[in-house]
Protein backbone atom coordinates (compact mmCIF):
# COMPACT_ATOMS: atom_id res chain seq x y z
CA MET A 1 99.14 71.40 93.67
CA LEU A 2 100.42 71.61 96.75
CA GLN A 3 100.36 68.57 98.82
CA ASN A 4 99.96 68.77 102.34
CA ASN A 5 101.59 72.20 101.82
CA SER A 6 105.09 70.66 101.49
CA GLN A 7 105.43 71.20 97.47
CA SER A 8 108.33 73.72 96.98
CA PHE A 9 107.67 77.14 95.46
CA SER A 10 110.18 76.12 92.31
CA SER A 11 108.06 72.63 91.27
CA ALA A 12 105.01 74.51 91.70
CA GLU A 13 106.07 77.05 89.11
CA THR A 14 106.62 74.58 86.54
CA THR A 15 103.35 73.50 86.46
CA GLN A 16 101.72 77.37 85.55
CA SER A 17 100.39 78.47 81.95
CA PRO A 18 100.09 74.89 80.94
CA GLY A 19 98.32 76.05 77.65
CA GLY A 20 101.16 78.77 76.55
CA LEU A 21 99.58 81.95 77.45
CA ARG A 22 100.65 84.68 75.04
CA ARG A 23 103.11 87.35 76.91
CA GLU A 24 101.35 90.46 75.48
CA LEU A 25 102.13 92.97 78.24
CA GLY A 26 105.52 94.73 78.54
CA LEU A 27 106.60 97.46 81.33
CA ALA A 28 104.60 100.54 79.64
CA ASP A 29 101.47 98.58 79.50
CA LEU A 30 102.09 97.73 83.33
CA ALA A 31 102.87 100.95 84.33
CA LEU A 32 99.54 102.49 82.94
CA ALA A 33 97.72 99.64 84.03
CA GLN A 34 98.88 100.55 87.52
CA ILE A 35 98.00 104.23 87.30
CA LEU A 36 94.62 103.44 85.91
CA TYR A 37 93.65 100.95 88.64
CA LEU A 38 94.97 102.72 91.55
CA THR A 39 93.88 106.15 90.66
CA ILE A 40 89.94 106.31 91.54
CA PRO A 41 88.02 109.47 90.65
CA GLU A 42 85.56 109.30 93.69
CA PHE A 43 88.53 109.00 96.28
CA PHE A 44 89.68 112.42 95.55
CA GLY A 45 86.03 113.76 96.70
CA THR A 46 86.26 111.77 99.59
CA ALA A 47 89.61 113.11 100.70
CA ALA A 48 88.44 116.59 99.84
CA LYS A 49 85.82 115.82 102.50
CA ALA A 50 88.65 116.35 105.01
CA GLY A 51 89.43 119.73 104.21
CA PRO A 52 92.87 121.20 104.75
CA SER A 53 93.97 118.15 106.71
CA HIS A 54 93.83 115.99 103.82
CA VAL A 55 97.62 116.40 103.08
CA LEU A 56 98.59 115.02 106.84
CA LEU A 57 95.88 112.22 106.06
CA TRP A 58 97.36 111.20 102.68
CA LEU A 59 100.82 111.20 103.84
CA LEU A 60 99.89 108.92 106.89
CA ALA A 61 98.06 106.28 104.49
CA ILE A 62 100.72 106.56 102.06
CA LEU A 63 103.48 105.62 105.23
CA LEU A 64 101.16 103.11 106.85
CA PHE A 65 99.45 101.52 103.67
CA PHE A 66 100.89 102.15 100.01
CA ILE A 67 104.52 101.74 101.06
CA PRO A 68 103.86 98.51 102.75
CA GLU A 69 101.76 97.24 100.07
CA ALA A 70 104.34 98.27 97.51
CA LEU A 71 107.19 96.38 99.04
CA VAL A 72 105.33 93.30 99.73
CA VAL A 73 103.85 92.98 96.37
CA ALA A 74 107.28 93.79 94.72
CA ARG A 75 108.96 91.02 96.86
CA LEU A 76 106.42 88.09 96.77
CA ASN A 77 106.00 88.86 92.74
CA ARG A 78 109.67 88.85 92.52
CA LEU A 79 109.60 85.29 94.35
CA MET A 80 106.48 84.09 92.51
CA PRO A 81 105.64 85.40 89.03
CA LEU A 82 102.65 83.45 88.86
CA GLU A 83 99.54 83.66 86.70
CA GLY A 84 96.74 84.25 89.29
CA GLY A 85 98.97 86.61 91.59
CA LEU A 86 97.64 86.71 95.20
CA TYR A 87 95.73 83.91 94.73
CA GLU A 88 98.62 81.63 93.96
CA TRP A 89 101.10 83.70 96.89
CA ALA A 90 98.22 82.84 99.25
CA ARG A 91 97.78 79.22 98.27
CA LEU A 92 101.78 78.65 98.15
CA ALA A 93 102.15 80.17 101.65
CA PHE A 94 98.80 78.83 103.57
CA GLY A 95 97.44 75.80 101.26
CA ASP A 96 94.83 75.21 99.02
CA ARG A 97 92.00 76.30 101.34
CA ILE A 98 93.25 79.69 102.06
CA GLY A 99 94.38 80.03 98.50
CA PHE A 100 90.63 79.20 97.29
CA LEU A 101 89.05 81.68 99.75
CA VAL A 102 91.57 84.32 98.41
CA ALA A 103 90.53 83.60 94.99
CA TRP A 104 86.87 83.51 96.26
CA ASN A 105 86.89 86.96 97.73
CA LEU A 106 88.86 88.79 94.55
CA TRP A 107 86.52 87.11 92.37
CA LEU A 108 83.43 88.42 94.36
CA TYR A 109 84.63 91.75 94.29
CA GLY A 110 85.33 91.83 90.71
CA VAL A 111 81.62 90.37 89.81
CA ILE A 112 79.98 92.85 92.06
CA TYR A 113 82.09 95.73 90.86
CA MET A 114 81.20 94.34 87.03
CA ALA A 115 77.37 94.23 88.16
CA LEU A 116 77.43 97.93 88.79
CA ALA A 117 79.13 98.94 85.70
CA GLY A 118 75.75 99.69 83.55
CA LEU A 119 74.63 101.72 86.54
CA ILE A 120 77.81 103.80 86.89
CA THR A 121 78.15 104.07 82.89
CA MET A 122 74.78 105.61 82.37
CA SER A 123 75.02 107.93 85.46
CA PHE A 124 78.47 109.40 83.93
CA LEU A 125 76.25 109.89 80.37
CA ALA A 126 73.36 111.44 82.06
CA TYR A 127 75.81 113.81 84.04
CA ALA A 128 77.95 114.84 80.70
CA LEU A 129 74.50 115.18 78.81
CA GLY A 130 73.15 117.61 81.34
CA PRO A 131 69.82 117.56 83.39
CA GLN A 132 67.57 116.96 80.11
CA ALA A 133 69.16 113.77 79.86
CA SER A 134 68.96 112.60 83.79
CA TRP A 135 66.05 109.76 83.02
CA ILE A 136 68.70 107.66 81.31
CA ALA A 137 70.31 107.07 84.72
CA GLU A 138 66.52 105.80 86.16
CA ASN A 139 65.42 103.65 83.20
CA LYS A 140 65.94 100.04 84.19
CA TRP A 141 65.73 99.14 80.57
CA MET A 142 68.63 101.48 79.66
CA LEU A 143 70.49 100.19 82.28
CA LEU A 144 70.53 96.54 81.36
CA ALA A 145 71.02 97.24 78.17
CA ALA A 146 74.24 99.00 78.98
CA SER A 147 75.11 96.03 81.45
CA PHE A 148 74.45 93.73 78.63
CA VAL A 149 76.52 95.78 75.93
CA LEU A 150 79.69 96.56 78.48
CA ALA A 151 79.77 92.53 79.45
CA GLY A 152 79.40 91.39 76.00
CA GLY A 153 82.07 93.72 74.62
CA MET A 154 84.40 92.80 77.29
CA ALA A 155 84.02 89.22 76.72
CA LEU A 156 85.05 89.91 73.22
CA LEU A 157 87.88 91.74 74.18
CA ALA A 158 89.15 89.09 76.38
CA ARG A 159 88.43 86.39 73.97
CA VAL A 160 90.82 87.99 71.42
CA GLY A 161 93.38 88.71 74.49
CA PHE A 162 95.56 91.53 75.57
CA HIS A 163 97.20 92.48 72.22
CA VAL A 164 94.05 94.27 72.17
CA GLY A 165 92.69 94.89 75.20
CA LYS A 166 95.70 96.38 76.67
CA TRP A 167 95.05 99.20 74.34
CA ILE A 168 91.51 99.99 75.99
CA THR A 169 93.49 100.03 79.48
CA ASN A 170 96.49 102.29 77.91
CA PHE A 171 93.83 104.79 76.82
CA GLY A 172 92.01 104.79 79.86
CA SER A 173 94.84 105.47 81.61
CA ALA A 174 96.25 108.17 79.53
CA ALA A 175 92.62 109.88 79.31
CA THR A 176 92.66 109.89 83.40
CA LEU A 177 96.23 111.40 83.31
CA ILE A 178 95.08 114.31 80.98
CA VAL A 179 92.44 114.89 83.24
CA LEU A 180 94.18 114.85 86.34
CA GLY A 181 97.14 116.84 84.99
CA ALA A 182 94.59 119.60 84.03
CA LEU A 183 93.01 119.59 87.64
CA VAL A 184 96.33 119.90 89.13
CA LEU A 185 97.95 122.20 86.64
CA ILE A 186 95.01 124.90 86.40
CA PRO A 187 95.58 126.36 89.97
CA MET A 188 98.93 126.66 89.46
CA PHE A 189 98.65 128.35 86.05
CA ARG A 190 95.96 130.33 87.92
CA ASP A 191 98.49 131.76 90.61
CA PHE A 192 100.93 132.47 87.90
CA ARG A 193 98.73 134.78 86.51
CA GLY A 194 98.00 136.71 90.11
CA SER A 195 94.16 136.10 89.48
CA ALA A 196 93.57 134.19 92.82
CA ALA A 197 94.69 133.59 96.27
CA GLU A 198 98.00 131.52 96.45
CA PHE A 199 97.85 127.70 95.92
CA ARG A 200 99.15 125.74 98.80
CA PRO A 201 98.60 122.05 97.61
CA LEU A 202 101.10 120.82 100.36
CA HIS A 203 99.76 122.77 103.53
CA ILE A 204 99.85 120.43 106.46
CA VAL A 205 97.07 120.87 109.14
CA SER A 206 96.19 118.47 111.63
CA PRO A 207 92.79 117.09 111.29
CA PRO A 208 90.45 116.75 114.01
CA ILE A 209 90.13 113.46 115.82
CA THR A 210 86.49 112.47 115.24
CA ILE A 211 84.76 109.07 113.96
CA PHE A 212 84.34 110.90 110.60
CA THR A 213 88.15 111.88 110.27
CA LEU A 214 88.90 107.97 111.01
CA SER A 215 86.34 106.93 108.40
CA VAL A 216 87.52 109.37 105.78
CA PHE A 217 91.42 108.09 106.50
CA SER A 218 90.08 104.44 106.18
CA LYS A 219 88.93 105.39 102.52
CA MET A 220 91.85 107.16 101.74
CA THR A 221 94.03 104.28 102.90
CA PHE A 222 92.50 100.91 101.43
CA GLY A 223 89.92 102.50 99.37
CA ALA A 224 92.29 104.64 97.20
CA LEU A 225 95.59 102.98 97.55
CA CYS A 226 94.79 99.39 97.22
CA GLY A 227 95.53 97.66 94.24
CA PHE A 228 99.13 96.78 93.12
CA GLU A 229 98.65 93.45 93.36
CA TYR A 230 95.68 93.05 91.10
CA VAL A 231 97.86 93.53 87.82
CA ALA A 232 99.87 90.37 89.30
CA ILE A 233 97.00 88.18 88.28
CA PHE A 234 98.00 88.48 84.56
CA ALA A 235 101.58 87.52 85.12
CA GLY A 236 101.72 84.56 83.11
CA GLU A 237 100.71 87.35 80.27
CA CYS A 238 103.46 89.48 81.00
CA ARG A 239 107.21 89.73 79.48
CA ASN A 240 109.62 89.45 82.17
CA PRO A 241 107.12 89.42 84.94
CA GLU A 242 109.68 89.24 88.05
CA ARG A 243 111.30 92.36 87.02
CA ASN A 244 108.55 94.41 85.16
CA LEU A 245 105.87 94.17 87.46
CA ALA A 246 108.37 95.25 90.31
CA ARG A 247 109.77 98.13 88.13
CA SER A 248 105.88 99.26 87.08
CA ILE A 249 105.16 99.52 91.03
CA LEU A 250 108.57 101.61 91.80
CA LEU A 251 107.70 103.90 88.30
CA THR A 252 104.09 104.48 89.40
CA ALA A 253 103.90 104.55 92.96
CA PRO A 254 105.29 108.27 93.27
CA ILE A 255 102.87 109.54 90.36
CA ILE A 256 99.73 108.09 91.92
CA ALA A 257 100.68 109.51 95.44
CA LEU A 258 101.66 113.16 93.98
CA LEU A 259 97.99 112.96 91.80
CA TYR A 260 96.18 112.13 95.04
CA ILE A 261 97.91 115.22 97.03
CA PHE A 262 97.96 117.40 94.35
CA GLY A 263 94.53 116.63 92.81
CA THR A 264 92.68 116.80 96.28
CA GLY A 265 94.60 120.40 96.87
CA ALA A 266 93.13 121.50 93.70
CA ILE A 267 89.57 120.52 94.16
CA LEU A 268 89.77 122.44 97.52
CA SER A 269 91.28 125.58 95.78
CA TYR A 270 88.07 125.62 93.82
CA LEU A 271 85.42 124.08 96.47
CA PRO A 272 85.01 124.46 99.98
CA PRO A 273 84.87 120.68 101.38
CA GLY A 274 81.24 120.83 102.25
CA ALA A 275 80.20 121.54 98.95
CA VAL A 276 82.22 119.20 97.33
CA ASP A 277 80.07 116.41 95.56
CA VAL A 278 82.05 113.17 96.33
CA THR A 279 81.11 111.12 93.14
CA ALA A 280 81.70 114.12 90.55
CA ALA A 281 84.47 116.23 92.68
CA ILE A 282 86.80 116.52 89.53
CA PRO A 283 84.22 117.44 87.01
CA GLN A 284 83.02 119.82 89.51
CA ALA A 285 85.92 121.32 89.98
CA LEU A 286 86.90 121.75 86.37
CA GLY A 287 83.71 123.63 85.80
CA ARG A 288 84.53 125.90 88.36
CA ALA A 289 88.20 126.37 87.13
CA PHE A 290 87.11 127.14 83.63
CA GLN A 291 84.09 129.18 84.52
CA PRO A 292 85.84 132.87 84.28
CA TYR A 293 86.78 131.65 80.64
CA GLY A 294 83.09 130.86 79.27
CA ILE A 295 83.99 127.45 78.23
CA ALA A 296 82.74 125.43 81.44
CA ARG A 297 79.76 124.10 79.39
CA VAL A 298 82.11 122.48 77.19
CA ILE A 299 84.93 121.36 79.52
CA LEU A 300 82.74 119.79 81.82
CA PRO A 301 81.16 117.13 79.65
CA VAL A 302 84.66 116.26 78.17
CA ALA A 303 86.07 115.82 81.41
CA VAL A 304 82.88 113.44 82.40
CA ILE A 305 83.44 111.56 79.31
CA LEU A 306 87.42 110.89 79.99
CA LEU A 307 86.63 110.12 83.33
CA LEU A 308 84.22 107.48 82.04
CA THR A 309 86.88 105.81 80.00
CA ASN A 310 88.60 105.16 83.43
CA TYR A 311 85.80 103.34 84.75
CA VAL A 312 85.43 101.25 81.55
CA SER A 313 89.06 100.39 81.20
CA THR A 314 89.07 99.38 84.93
CA PHE A 315 85.88 97.12 83.86
CA ASN A 316 87.80 95.47 81.58
CA ILE A 317 90.65 94.89 83.98
CA ASN A 318 88.31 93.50 86.81
CA PHE A 319 86.49 91.45 84.02
CA ASN A 320 89.73 89.92 82.76
CA GLY A 321 90.79 89.10 86.27
CA CYS A 322 87.56 87.36 86.87
CA ALA A 323 88.05 85.34 84.08
CA ARG A 324 91.67 84.44 84.95
CA LEU A 325 91.19 83.44 88.43
CA PRO A 326 88.98 80.22 87.70
CA MET A 327 91.50 79.37 84.90
CA VAL A 328 94.22 79.42 87.43
CA ALA A 329 92.24 77.57 90.03
CA GLY A 330 91.63 74.85 87.71
CA TRP A 331 95.26 74.34 86.90
CA ASP A 332 95.50 73.56 90.43
CA HIS A 333 92.75 71.06 90.24
CA LEU A 334 90.69 73.51 92.77
CA LEU A 335 87.84 73.63 90.19
CA PRO A 336 87.08 71.58 86.95
CA ALA A 337 89.46 71.35 84.09
CA TRP A 338 86.58 72.80 82.00
CA PHE A 339 87.96 76.43 83.22
CA THR A 340 91.12 75.78 81.69
CA ARG A 341 90.23 75.43 77.91
CA LEU A 342 92.12 78.00 75.71
CA HIS A 343 91.36 79.41 72.72
CA PRO A 344 93.52 77.42 70.00
CA LYS A 345 94.54 80.83 68.46
CA TYR A 346 94.17 83.58 71.22
CA LYS A 347 95.49 81.27 73.95
CA THR A 348 92.43 83.01 76.09
CA PRO A 349 90.25 81.22 78.74
CA VAL A 350 87.25 80.83 76.21
CA ASN A 351 85.12 79.05 79.09
CA SER A 352 86.13 80.84 82.00
CA ILE A 353 85.33 84.19 79.92
CA PHE A 354 81.66 82.61 79.09
CA PHE A 355 81.37 81.95 82.69
CA ALA A 356 82.46 85.18 83.87
CA THR A 357 80.24 86.96 81.10
CA GLY A 358 77.36 85.02 82.44
CA ILE A 359 77.70 85.93 85.91
CA ALA A 360 78.23 89.53 85.33
CA MET A 361 75.13 89.66 83.25
CA VAL A 362 72.68 87.90 86.19
CA ALA A 363 74.55 90.19 88.75
CA ALA A 364 73.67 93.32 86.65
CA VAL A 365 69.89 91.99 86.67
CA ALA A 366 70.14 91.42 90.63
CA VAL A 367 71.59 94.93 91.06
CA LEU A 368 68.59 96.68 88.95
CA ILE A 369 66.11 95.39 91.34
CA GLY A 370 67.05 98.05 93.71
CA VAL A 371 68.48 100.63 91.41
CA GLY A 372 66.24 103.31 92.77
CA GLU A 373 67.67 102.93 96.28
CA GLN A 374 71.25 104.84 96.69
CA GLU A 375 71.79 102.87 99.86
CA ALA A 376 71.50 99.39 97.97
CA PHE A 377 74.25 100.90 95.47
CA GLU A 378 76.55 102.26 98.13
CA LEU A 379 75.98 98.88 100.21
CA LEU A 380 76.90 97.19 97.01
CA LEU A 381 80.08 98.89 96.62
CA VAL A 382 81.21 98.73 100.45
CA MET A 383 80.46 94.72 99.93
CA ALA A 384 82.78 94.60 96.97
CA PHE A 385 85.71 96.49 98.80
CA ALA A 386 84.84 94.60 101.88
CA PHE A 387 85.34 91.23 100.00
CA TYR A 388 88.79 92.83 98.27
CA ALA A 389 90.02 93.90 101.92
CA ILE A 390 89.62 90.11 103.34
CA ALA A 391 91.81 89.04 100.57
CA TYR A 392 94.47 91.83 101.28
CA LEU A 393 94.61 90.63 105.09
CA ALA A 394 96.09 87.13 103.45
CA LEU A 395 98.45 89.47 101.49
CA PHE A 396 99.72 91.17 104.45
CA ALA A 397 99.67 87.72 106.42
CA ILE A 398 102.17 86.15 104.00
CA PRO A 399 105.33 88.08 105.10
CA LEU A 400 104.20 87.70 108.82
CA LEU A 401 103.19 84.11 109.11
CA ALA A 402 104.11 82.04 105.63
CA ARG A 403 105.92 78.78 105.77
CA LYS A 404 109.83 79.33 105.89
CA ASP A 405 110.44 76.92 102.99
CA LEU A 406 108.80 79.52 100.94
CA GLY A 407 111.77 81.38 100.51
CA LEU A 408 110.52 84.95 101.53
CA LYS A 409 112.63 85.77 104.39
CA PRO A 410 111.42 89.16 104.99
CA GLY A 411 113.29 91.12 107.28
CA ARG A 412 112.18 93.62 110.39
CA LEU A 413 111.30 96.53 108.18
CA MET A 414 108.93 94.34 105.73
CA ARG A 415 107.60 92.62 109.10
CA LEU A 416 106.67 95.95 110.25
CA GLY A 417 105.07 97.22 107.03
CA ALA A 418 103.11 94.14 106.80
CA ALA A 419 101.67 94.45 110.27
CA SER A 420 101.00 98.02 109.22
CA GLY A 421 99.23 97.30 106.22
CA PHE A 422 97.25 94.47 107.95
CA VAL A 423 95.73 96.98 110.61
CA MET A 424 95.03 99.58 107.97
CA THR A 425 92.91 96.66 106.15
CA LEU A 426 91.18 95.91 109.22
CA LEU A 427 90.49 98.90 110.00
CA TYR A 428 88.87 99.48 106.89
CA ILE A 429 86.53 96.55 107.25
CA VAL A 430 85.42 97.31 110.69
CA LEU A 431 84.57 100.89 109.83
CA SER A 432 82.88 99.70 106.25
CA ILE A 433 80.64 97.12 108.75
CA LEU A 434 79.75 99.63 111.00
CA GLN A 435 78.61 102.30 108.22
CA PHE A 436 75.64 100.06 107.77
CA MET A 437 74.83 98.88 111.33
């Protein structure tokens, strides 16, 4: 624990993982987790609403936010490969209070997102099964049961550790890549056969300068492209974290950027911006793509189920993050030592997992009180990402304001990138607040 902000990084590092966490996550696991966590299906639909100008907006988002985020996270993780990730980086840079506030915002983001797990899951199932099954997404008892089953299942996975749980993440990432790969390749195949107009995914068009464009752009920056630092929460459970976490960013950043750009272009090759369903843009486009072949009725539910694995696997990562943060805060004596108890066999934080499960179930009940109101659902999502964005302000502030004895020594380029990322994150927070005023 820091005393008056004067403890060195090296001595703080030696206090980590007192129970000997198992290092189950290798480079391939980390890379697949990064792809899963940063490739969010609904933001393809959000970007498609920008129409042909989406390419330029994506390029600006990558330049002003994504690249700075990748550089800052990779640098901080090489310097401080500690379980707890951003929480520990902020604590060592700015002291216990700021570190605790960062952990609190990350935890709130994860809890709120987990609270929506049942609702999102049943909505996807209803979409996959067709109009006759729409009732399951509106029945509160079904939604409550789904929320409890998901929370219980994730608690069991978290208890046995990442030697099992990582395969859920890996499968979800692979399913996401299959769906997005099909989305990107089908228009190219269509053009090869000469059956439609030319597919131009990199066609650059200047966007109109409007509040709508600015709102879409902010969601394409922070909303779609945040998340590289989240996997660093599990640094103490990674093999060679100071190298492999940075490598996972280097390997996956180009893939994620290309998937967003080409995937959005593929959606617009089948649908005009005004017809895009933001929450189901990918299944909608795939259904339109396979319609001439007479198998759209089969492809649509398959695509929906595969995308559902993306959400369930992402919930699994969020749940594990919510379980690890109290444990690490307990190591630093910011929370009771009760949270630090590890399972004697699996070396997982059993009490912290139990606590996260209870909170997730209580939050799910609270969410279902207003389940019939779409605005309430959207407000919860905005709140979750707003908490996450506040934590990101600390991430970009570290290269700009951290103590010199931390050893970061950021150059001019990193400072410029951190300032850009800070401004883009702040823009997202302001526009999110204005959306519901």
